[in-house]
Protein backbone atom coordinates (compact mmCIF):
# COMPACT_ATOMS: atom_id res chain seq x y z
CA MET A 1 -86.10 -138.28 97.80
CA VAL A 2 -89.29 -138.07 95.76
CA SER A 3 -90.90 -141.48 95.36
CA GLN A 4 -91.68 -143.07 91.99
CA TRP A 5 -95.42 -142.72 92.56
CA SER A 6 -95.01 -139.04 93.43
CA ARG A 7 -93.27 -138.46 90.12
CA VAL A 8 -96.01 -140.30 88.22
CA LEU A 9 -98.76 -138.34 89.97
CA PHE A 10 -96.89 -135.07 89.31
CA ILE A 11 -96.65 -135.81 85.58
CA LEU A 12 -100.34 -136.79 85.39
CA ALA A 13 -101.33 -133.61 87.26
CA LEU A 14 -99.15 -131.57 84.92
CA ALA A 15 -100.78 -133.04 81.82
CA GLY A 16 -104.27 -132.71 83.27
CA THR A 17 -103.79 -129.08 84.29
CA MET A 18 -102.47 -128.19 80.86
CA MET A 19 -105.44 -129.84 79.12
CA VAL A 20 -107.87 -127.95 81.35
CA LEU A 21 -106.13 -124.65 80.60
CA GLU A 22 -106.21 -125.31 76.84
CA ARG A 23 -109.89 -126.31 76.94
CA GLN A 24 -111.17 -123.53 79.19
CA ALA A 25 -109.28 -120.60 77.68
CA PRO A 26 -111.35 -118.50 75.25
CA GLY A 27 -110.61 -119.80 71.80
CA GLY A 28 -108.71 -122.80 73.11
CA ASP A 29 -110.38 -125.11 70.61
CA THR A 30 -111.25 -122.47 68.04
CA PRO A 31 -111.65 -124.06 64.60
CA PRO A 32 -111.57 -122.17 61.33
CA ALA A 33 -114.68 -120.00 60.84
CA ASP A 34 -115.77 -122.48 58.17
CA PRO A 35 -115.74 -125.86 59.97
CA GLY A 36 -115.18 -127.63 56.66
CA ALA A 37 -112.04 -125.64 55.83
CA PRO A 38 -108.77 -127.29 56.90
CA PHE A 39 -105.99 -125.16 58.31
CA ALA A 40 -104.01 -125.51 55.06
CA ASP A 41 -106.81 -123.83 53.09
CA LYS A 42 -107.16 -121.17 55.78
CA ALA A 43 -103.43 -120.44 55.58
CA ARG A 44 -103.57 -120.02 51.79
CA GLN A 45 -106.41 -117.55 52.24
CA TYR A 46 -104.05 -115.10 53.96
CA PHE A 47 -100.54 -116.10 52.91
CA THR A 48 -98.82 -116.99 49.67
CA ALA A 49 -97.10 -120.36 49.24
CA LYS A 50 -93.73 -118.58 49.40
CA GLU A 51 -94.60 -116.83 52.67
CA LEU A 52 -95.75 -120.09 54.20
CA ALA A 53 -92.58 -121.91 53.12
CA ARG A 54 -90.26 -119.16 54.41
CA GLY A 55 -92.06 -118.94 57.73
CA ARG A 56 -91.95 -122.71 58.15
CA ALA A 57 -88.25 -122.92 57.25
CA TYR A 58 -87.29 -120.08 59.59
CA ALA A 59 -89.38 -121.23 62.55
CA ARG A 60 -88.49 -124.90 62.31
CA GLY A 61 -84.82 -124.07 62.20
CA ARG A 62 -85.36 -122.17 65.44
CA TYR A 63 -87.00 -125.23 66.99
CA LEU A 64 -83.89 -127.23 66.12
CA LEU A 65 -81.58 -124.57 67.55
CA TYR A 66 -83.63 -124.54 70.77
CA GLY A 67 -83.14 -128.29 71.06
CA VAL A 68 -79.40 -128.00 70.38
CA ARG A 69 -78.95 -125.25 72.98
CA THR A 70 -80.97 -127.19 75.54
CA ALA A 71 -78.93 -130.34 74.95
CA LEU A 72 -75.66 -128.41 75.17
CA THR A 73 -76.72 -126.70 78.39
CA LEU A 74 -77.89 -129.89 80.09
CA GLY A 75 -74.81 -131.74 78.86
CA PHE A 76 -72.48 -129.00 80.08
CA PHE A 77 -73.86 -128.86 83.61
CA GLY A 78 -74.33 -132.62 83.70
CA LEU A 79 -70.66 -133.15 82.84
CA LEU A 80 -69.55 -130.72 85.53
CA ALA A 81 -71.86 -132.28 88.10
CA LEU A 82 -70.62 -135.81 87.43
CA SER A 83 -66.92 -135.24 86.82
CA PRO A 84 -63.96 -133.98 88.91
CA LEU A 85 -63.77 -130.84 86.76
CA SER A 86 -65.89 -128.87 89.26
CA ALA A 87 -63.45 -129.67 92.06
CA THR A 88 -60.59 -128.47 89.85
CA ILE A 89 -62.41 -125.18 89.22
CA ARG A 90 -63.09 -124.85 92.96
CA ASP A 91 -59.43 -125.37 93.85
CA PHE A 92 -58.45 -122.76 91.25
CA SER A 93 -61.05 -120.35 92.67
CA VAL A 94 -59.78 -120.85 96.21
CA SER A 95 -56.23 -120.04 95.14
CA VAL A 96 -57.30 -116.91 93.23
CA ALA A 97 -59.51 -115.74 96.12
CA GLY A 98 -56.82 -116.37 98.73
CA GLY A 99 -59.16 -118.58 100.72
CA ARG A 100 -61.86 -115.91 101.14
CA VAL A 101 -65.14 -117.81 100.94
CA TRP A 102 -67.32 -115.13 99.36
CA LEU A 103 -64.71 -114.35 96.70
CA THR A 104 -64.20 -118.04 96.01
CA ILE A 105 -67.89 -118.33 95.15
CA GLY A 106 -67.65 -115.29 92.88
CA VAL A 107 -64.60 -116.60 91.01
CA PHE A 108 -66.18 -120.06 90.66
CA GLY A 109 -69.36 -118.54 89.21
CA LEU A 110 -67.38 -116.35 86.83
CA VAL A 111 -65.31 -119.27 85.53
CA LEU A 112 -68.48 -121.32 85.11
CA ALA A 113 -70.15 -118.50 83.17
CA CYS A 114 -67.14 -118.08 80.87
CA LEU A 115 -67.05 -121.81 80.12
CA TYR A 116 -70.80 -121.83 79.45
CA HIS A 117 -70.52 -118.94 76.99
CA LEU A 118 -67.59 -120.67 75.32
CA VAL A 119 -69.69 -123.81 74.80
CA THR A 120 -72.89 -122.06 73.63
CA PHE A 121 -71.41 -119.12 71.71
CA PRO A 122 -71.44 -120.93 68.33
CA VAL A 123 -75.19 -121.53 68.70
CA SER A 124 -75.76 -117.90 69.70
CA LEU A 125 -73.69 -116.66 66.76
CA TYR A 126 -75.45 -118.86 64.24
CA GLY A 127 -78.96 -118.38 65.58
CA GLY A 128 -78.71 -114.72 66.55
CA PHE A 129 -76.59 -113.33 63.72
CA ILE A 130 -75.83 -115.61 60.77
CA ARG A 131 -79.29 -117.10 60.42
CA GLU A 132 -81.06 -113.77 60.94
CA HIS A 133 -79.05 -112.35 58.04
CA THR A 134 -79.73 -115.43 55.91
CA PHE A 135 -83.47 -114.79 56.19
CA GLY A 136 -83.11 -111.03 55.73
CA LEU A 137 -84.30 -110.16 59.24
CA SER A 138 -81.16 -108.58 60.71
CA ARG A 139 -79.57 -105.23 59.84
CA GLN A 140 -76.80 -105.44 62.41
CA THR A 141 -73.13 -105.63 61.58
CA PHE A 142 -71.17 -108.36 63.31
CA GLY A 143 -69.48 -105.76 65.50
CA ALA A 144 -72.83 -104.33 66.65
CA TRP A 145 -74.24 -107.81 67.34
CA ALA A 146 -71.11 -108.86 69.25
CA TRP A 147 -71.26 -105.69 71.35
CA ASP A 148 -74.90 -106.38 72.27
CA TYR A 149 -73.96 -109.96 73.16
CA THR A 150 -71.09 -108.74 75.32
CA LYS A 151 -73.24 -106.14 77.08
CA GLY A 152 -75.83 -108.79 77.86
CA ALA A 153 -73.19 -111.11 79.33
CA LEU A 154 -71.67 -108.31 81.43
CA ILE A 155 -75.06 -107.19 82.76
CA ASN A 156 -75.87 -110.77 83.73
CA ALA A 157 -72.54 -111.07 85.52
CA VAL A 158 -73.02 -107.81 87.44
CA ILE A 159 -76.50 -108.88 88.59
CA LEU A 160 -76.03 -112.63 89.10
CA LEU A 161 -72.61 -112.89 90.75
CA PRO A 162 -73.59 -110.94 93.89
CA LEU A 163 -76.80 -112.99 94.04
CA LEU A 164 -74.74 -116.17 93.77
CA MET A 165 -72.60 -115.10 96.71
CA LEU A 166 -75.77 -114.35 98.69
CA LEU A 167 -77.22 -117.74 97.74
CA TYR A 168 -74.24 -119.61 99.15
CA SER A 169 -74.23 -117.46 102.25
CA CYS A 170 -77.79 -118.63 102.85
CA ILE A 171 -76.81 -122.26 102.21
CA ARG A 172 -74.01 -121.93 104.78
CA TRP A 173 -76.54 -120.47 107.23
CA ASP A 174 -78.85 -123.50 106.90
CA SER A 175 -78.19 -126.36 104.49
CA ILE A 176 -81.89 -127.29 104.26
CA ARG A 177 -83.97 -124.15 104.91
CA TRP A 178 -81.87 -121.80 102.78
CA TYR A 179 -84.63 -121.75 100.19
CA LEU A 180 -86.79 -119.43 102.35
CA PRO A 181 -84.53 -116.32 102.41
CA VAL A 182 -83.44 -117.04 98.82
CA TRP A 183 -87.08 -117.09 97.73
CA VAL A 184 -87.67 -113.68 99.34
CA VAL A 185 -84.61 -112.29 97.55
CA VAL A 186 -85.79 -113.73 94.21
CA ILE A 187 -89.19 -112.02 94.58
CA LEU A 188 -87.66 -108.68 95.59
CA VAL A 189 -84.99 -108.67 92.87
CA GLY A 190 -87.52 -109.71 90.21
CA SER A 191 -89.87 -106.89 91.18
CA LEU A 192 -87.01 -104.38 91.31
CA LEU A 193 -85.76 -105.38 87.86
CA ALA A 194 -89.28 -105.10 86.41
CA GLU A 195 -89.45 -101.55 87.76
CA LEU A 196 -85.94 -100.40 86.84
CA SER A 197 -85.15 -102.28 83.62
CA PRO A 198 -87.07 -99.84 81.37
CA ILE A 199 -85.09 -96.96 82.87
CA LEU A 200 -81.61 -98.43 83.42
CA LEU A 201 -81.15 -101.49 81.19
CA ASP A 202 -83.28 -101.11 78.06
CA PRO A 203 -81.56 -97.86 76.97
CA LEU A 204 -78.25 -99.76 76.86
CA PHE A 205 -79.54 -101.64 73.81
CA HIS A 206 -81.93 -99.22 72.11
CA THR A 207 -82.59 -95.51 71.70
CA PHE A 208 -86.04 -94.44 72.90
CA ARG A 209 -87.97 -91.34 71.97
CA PRO A 210 -91.62 -90.23 72.19
CA VAL A 211 -93.74 -91.37 69.24
CA GLN A 212 -93.61 -88.56 66.70
CA ASP A 213 -97.02 -89.18 65.09
CA ALA A 214 -99.33 -86.97 67.19
CA GLY A 215 -102.44 -88.52 65.63
CA LEU A 216 -101.30 -92.02 66.57
CA VAL A 217 -100.47 -90.93 70.12
CA GLN A 218 -103.93 -89.37 70.50
CA ARG A 219 -105.50 -92.57 69.18
CA LEU A 220 -103.56 -94.74 71.62
CA ARG A 221 -104.34 -92.43 74.55
CA ALA A 222 -108.04 -92.74 73.74
CA LEU A 223 -107.60 -96.52 73.67
CA THR A 224 -105.93 -96.60 77.10
CA ASP A 225 -108.72 -94.39 78.46
CA ARG A 226 -111.35 -96.81 77.15
CA ALA A 227 -109.41 -99.68 78.69
CA GLY A 228 -109.19 -97.88 82.03
CA VAL A 229 -105.44 -98.41 82.18
CA SER A 230 -103.09 -95.63 83.21
CA VAL A 231 -99.76 -95.63 81.36
CA GLY A 232 -96.79 -93.33 81.20
CA PRO A 233 -95.04 -92.26 78.00
CA ILE A 234 -95.76 -93.82 74.61
CA LEU A 235 -92.34 -94.43 73.10
CA GLU A 236 -90.78 -95.80 69.95
CA ILE A 237 -87.45 -97.59 69.76
CA ASP A 238 -85.00 -97.65 66.87
CA ALA A 239 -85.60 -101.34 66.15
CA SER A 240 -85.01 -100.72 62.42
CA ARG A 241 -81.32 -100.20 63.22
CA LYS A 242 -81.12 -103.90 64.12
CA THR A 243 -84.02 -105.82 62.57
CA THR A 244 -86.91 -105.81 60.11
CA LYS A 245 -89.21 -107.49 62.67
CA THR A 246 -92.19 -105.62 64.12
CA ASN A 247 -93.55 -105.63 67.66
CA ALA A 248 -94.91 -103.57 70.53
CA TYR A 249 -94.90 -104.18 74.26
CA PHE A 250 -95.71 -102.81 77.69
CA THR A 251 -92.89 -102.64 80.17
CA GLY A 252 -92.32 -101.53 83.72
CA LEU A 253 -94.43 -101.40 86.86
CA GLY A 254 -95.89 -98.43 88.66
CA ARG A 255 -94.44 -95.14 87.52
CA SER A 256 -92.10 -96.78 85.00
CA ARG A 257 -95.00 -98.38 83.09
CA ARG A 258 -94.93 -97.40 79.43
CA ILE A 259 -95.96 -98.43 75.92
CA VAL A 260 -93.09 -99.15 73.52
CA LEU A 261 -93.56 -99.47 69.76
CA PHE A 262 -90.97 -100.71 67.29
CA ASP A 263 -90.39 -98.01 64.68
CA THR A 264 -90.73 -100.82 62.11
CA LEU A 265 -94.31 -101.37 63.32
CA ILE A 266 -95.16 -97.68 62.98
CA THR A 267 -93.77 -97.39 59.46
CA THR A 268 -95.22 -100.62 58.04
CA SER A 269 -98.66 -100.77 59.71
CA THR A 270 -101.85 -98.75 59.55
CA PRO A 271 -102.97 -96.84 62.67
CA GLU A 272 -105.78 -99.40 63.10
CA GLU A 273 -103.27 -102.27 63.09
CA VAL A 274 -101.00 -100.50 65.59
CA GLU A 275 -104.03 -99.87 67.76
CA LEU A 276 -104.90 -103.59 67.74
CA VAL A 277 -101.37 -104.57 68.76
CA VAL A 278 -101.48 -102.12 71.67
CA ALA A 279 -105.02 -103.21 72.57
CA HIS A 280 -103.69 -106.74 73.00
CA GLU A 281 -101.10 -105.48 75.50
CA LEU A 282 -103.81 -103.51 77.31
CA GLY A 283 -105.80 -106.72 77.47
CA HIS A 284 -103.08 -108.23 79.65
CA TRP A 285 -103.46 -105.37 82.12
CA ARG A 286 -107.26 -105.51 82.06
CA ARG A 287 -107.12 -109.23 82.89
CA HIS A 288 -104.41 -108.62 85.55
CA HIS A 289 -102.05 -111.07 83.84
CA ILE A 290 -98.93 -109.31 85.09
CA TRP A 291 -99.94 -109.72 88.72
CA LYS A 292 -101.29 -113.22 88.15
CA GLY A 293 -98.03 -114.15 86.44
CA MET A 294 -96.01 -112.76 89.33
CA ALA A 295 -98.13 -114.72 91.82
CA ILE A 296 -97.74 -117.95 89.86
CA SER A 297 -94.02 -117.30 89.57
CA ALA A 298 -93.74 -116.70 93.31
CA VAL A 299 -95.52 -119.94 94.21
CA SER A 300 -93.69 -122.04 91.62
CA SER A 301 -90.29 -120.62 92.54
CA LEU A 302 -90.90 -121.42 96.22
CA ALA A 303 -91.82 -125.01 95.33
CA ALA A 304 -88.81 -125.33 93.02
CA LEU A 305 -86.36 -123.95 95.59
CA TRP A 306 -87.78 -126.24 98.29
CA LEU A 307 -87.34 -129.30 96.07
CA ILE A 308 -83.84 -128.27 94.95
CA ALA A 309 -82.80 -127.71 98.58
CA ARG A 310 -83.96 -131.22 99.50
CA LEU A 311 -82.30 -132.86 96.51
CA LEU A 312 -79.06 -130.93 97.01
CA TYR A 313 -78.91 -131.97 100.66
CA ALA A 314 -79.53 -135.60 99.70
CA ALA A 315 -76.78 -135.38 97.07
CA ALA A 316 -74.33 -134.02 99.65
CA GLU A 317 -75.17 -136.81 102.08
CA SER A 318 -74.68 -139.44 99.38
CA GLY A 319 -71.15 -138.18 98.64
CA ARG A 320 -71.49 -139.17 94.99
CA PHE A 321 -71.18 -135.71 93.45
CA GLY A 322 -67.84 -134.50 94.81
CA PHE A 323 -69.16 -132.49 97.78
CA VAL A 324 -70.27 -133.37 101.30
CA HIS A 325 -72.00 -130.08 102.14
CA PRO A 326 -74.38 -128.08 99.89
CA ALA A 327 -72.36 -124.89 100.58
CA ASP A 328 -69.36 -126.30 98.66
CA PRO A 329 -69.22 -124.41 95.32
CA VAL A 330 -68.78 -127.81 93.62
CA SER A 331 -72.55 -128.19 94.21
CA LEU A 332 -73.36 -125.29 91.84
CA PRO A 333 -73.42 -127.30 88.57
CA LEU A 334 -75.77 -129.85 90.15
CA LEU A 335 -77.96 -127.06 91.56
CA LEU A 336 -78.21 -125.49 88.10
CA LEU A 337 -78.82 -128.88 86.50
CA LEU A 338 -81.70 -129.54 88.91
CA PHE A 339 -83.15 -126.11 88.14
CA LEU A 340 -82.92 -126.73 84.39
CA ALA A 341 -84.48 -130.17 84.74
CA LEU A 342 -87.40 -128.74 86.73
CA THR A 343 -87.81 -126.00 84.15
CA ALA A 344 -87.87 -128.55 81.32
CA VAL A 345 -90.45 -130.71 83.10
CA THR A 346 -92.74 -127.77 83.88
CA THR A 347 -92.29 -125.87 80.61
CA PRO A 348 -95.45 -127.34 79.00
CA ILE A 349 -97.64 -126.06 81.81
CA GLN A 350 -95.88 -122.68 81.77
CA MET A 351 -96.57 -122.47 78.03
CA ALA A 352 -100.21 -123.51 78.53
CA ILE A 353 -100.73 -120.75 81.11
CA SER A 354 -99.09 -118.23 78.80
CA ARG A 355 -101.26 -119.25 75.84
CA ALA A 356 -104.37 -118.99 78.03
CA PHE A 357 -103.36 -115.46 79.00
CA GLU A 358 -102.68 -114.55 75.37
CA ARG A 359 -106.11 -115.78 74.26
CA GLU A 360 -107.75 -113.67 76.93
CA ALA A 361 -105.71 -110.64 75.83
CA ASP A 362 -106.73 -111.27 72.20
CA LEU A 363 -110.39 -111.35 73.21
CA GLU A 364 -109.97 -108.13 75.21
CA SER A 365 -108.32 -106.43 72.22
CA LEU A 366 -111.28 -107.39 70.02
CA ARG A 367 -113.73 -106.03 72.58
CA LEU A 368 -111.75 -102.82 73.05
CA SER A 369 -111.35 -102.07 69.35
CA ASP A 370 -114.48 -103.79 67.98
CA ASN A 371 -112.47 -104.16 64.77
CA PRO A 372 -111.88 -107.85 63.93
CA LYS A 373 -110.80 -106.99 60.37
CA ALA A 374 -107.95 -104.85 61.68
CA PHE A 375 -107.10 -107.61 64.18
CA ILE A 376 -106.74 -110.12 61.36
CA ALA A 377 -104.74 -107.65 59.27
CA SER A 378 -102.36 -106.98 62.16
CA GLU A 379 -101.86 -110.71 62.82
CA VAL A 380 -101.12 -111.34 59.15
CA ALA A 381 -98.71 -108.40 59.01
CA LEU A 382 -96.89 -109.54 62.17
CA ALA A 383 -96.64 -113.10 60.86
CA ARG A 384 -95.17 -111.89 57.57
CA SER A 385 -92.63 -109.52 59.09
CA ASN A 386 -91.53 -111.98 61.78
CA LEU A 387 -91.59 -115.08 59.52
CA SER A 388 -93.97 -116.99 61.77
CA ASP A 389 -94.88 -120.64 61.34
CA VAL A 390 -98.63 -120.08 60.98
CA ASP A 391 -99.58 -123.75 61.45
CA PRO A 392 -96.85 -125.36 63.59
CA PRO A 393 -96.90 -128.99 64.76
CA ARG A 394 -99.13 -129.39 67.80
CA VAL A 395 -96.36 -130.98 69.86
CA ILE A 396 -94.20 -127.90 69.24
CA VAL A 397 -97.05 -125.63 70.33
CA TRP A 398 -97.48 -127.78 73.44
CA LEU A 399 -93.78 -127.59 74.30
CA LEU A 400 -92.61 -124.15 73.17
CA TYR A 401 -95.35 -121.71 72.18
CA THR A 402 -96.12 -118.84 74.54
CA HIS A 403 -98.81 -117.60 72.10
CA PRO A 404 -101.51 -119.46 70.18
CA PRO A 405 -100.57 -120.10 66.53
CA ILE A 406 -101.51 -117.35 64.06
CA LEU A 407 -104.31 -119.31 62.38
CA GLU A 408 -105.95 -119.97 65.74
CA ARG A 409 -105.85 -116.26 66.57
CA ILE A 410 -107.29 -115.37 63.18
CA ALA A 411 -110.04 -117.97 63.72
CA MET A 412 -110.92 -116.30 67.02
CA ALA A 413 -111.28 -112.95 65.28
CA GLU A 414 -113.41 -114.50 62.53
CA ALA A 415 -115.67 -116.10 65.14
CA PHE A 416 -115.94 -112.74 66.94
CA GLN A 417 -116.76 -111.07 63.63
CA SER A 418 -119.48 -113.63 62.89
CA ALA A 419 -120.97 -113.20 66.37
CA GLN A 420 -121.08 -109.43 65.86
CA GLY A 421 -122.74 -109.86 62.48
CA GLN A 422 -120.05 -107.79 60.75
C-alpha cells in the first residue's frame, strides 16, 4: 500500500506542478490591459448586465450538476464495492451465462451499466434536456434527445463490454502484472477510435456536408497553408437542429483529419471570427498538442493502471471487499471506484495542462491571423451564444476549466494588440 508520506508528497507535487504550468503558460497571469481595471469593469465593457447574469446562472448550475453526478457516481460504486450487492449480481450473471467465465463478465458489466444509467439518468435528463430548454439553448424534442442518449449508451456498451472481457482475461493471466497488456490495449484502442470516430461514430449523431460558402472555404484553406498544417475536408454539421450553441473543432488523425464547423457558427459569425476560431484549432496542431496529449495520457494511464493493479491485489488479499482474487467480477466496482478516485485527485493537474495548451493555441491564433480585434469579437460571440461564465470563481477554474476564462483570453488579445501597436 502507498504510505502516508507518499500520499502527502504526491499531493504537494501535484499542486506544485499545476502552479508551474499556470505561471509559465503564455498569458497565465494575464491581467486586464488596463492594470487598474478590475475584471468586473472589464466584463461590463463587453457584456450587458443581463448577459453576465444569464451566463453566471447557467454555468453555476452546471457546476452544481457536475458535483451531483460525481457524488452519485462515487456513491454508487462505493456502495457496490462495500456491500454484498456485487456478489448477488455476480451470482445472477453466472446463472445467466451458464458458468461460462467470459460471458459472466459480460453480463456482470451489462447489469452494472444498466444500474448506473438508472441512477444517473435523472441528472442527465435535467442537465442535458430540461435545463438546456430552460435557457433556450436546445432545439431538440424529448424523443430526439432520448434517441441520442440511447445511441450513446449502446455505442459505449458495444465498445466497452468486449474490452471488459479482455481486461478480466488479462487479470486471470496475471493478478499483478495485468496492467501491462491492458495498457497496450488502451493505447491502441484510443488511437483507433481517434482515427475512426469521425468516419463511423460522428455521423450517427449529426449530418455532415462540405461547407457551402466557397469564399469561407478559400479563406480557411489559405489559413491552413499559412499554418503549415495539412487537413482533409472542411465540413459543417447540422448543429442548429439540436442547439443554438456555436463551435468548431478538428477531429481525426492522419487521413481522417478534418475541420468541422457548427452551422450555427457560420450563420452567426463574420468570416474573420470563423477564421479566428479555426486558427485556434490550428494552433493546437502547430504546438503538437494532440501528440503531447497522447503521450501524457499514455504515461499517466500506465501509472494509474499500475497503482490500481497493486491496490486491487491488496484488496483481494485482505478479503474485506467480497473477493479473494482480482479476477472475480465482484472486484469491478472497486476497480472503477479506484479509477474514479485517481481521476478526481489528478483532475486539477489535467485541467492545468489543458489550460496551458489552450493559452498556447490562443497565442498561435493571434500570430496566424494578426487580428486581435476579430479574436476578441469571436470570444465575445462564443461566450454569448454558449452562455459562458466570463469571470468564474478561481477554485472552479482550478478544478474544472479546460480553457482559460473568457476575460483572461480577451486580456491576452488586448496585450497582443498593445504590443503590436494596433
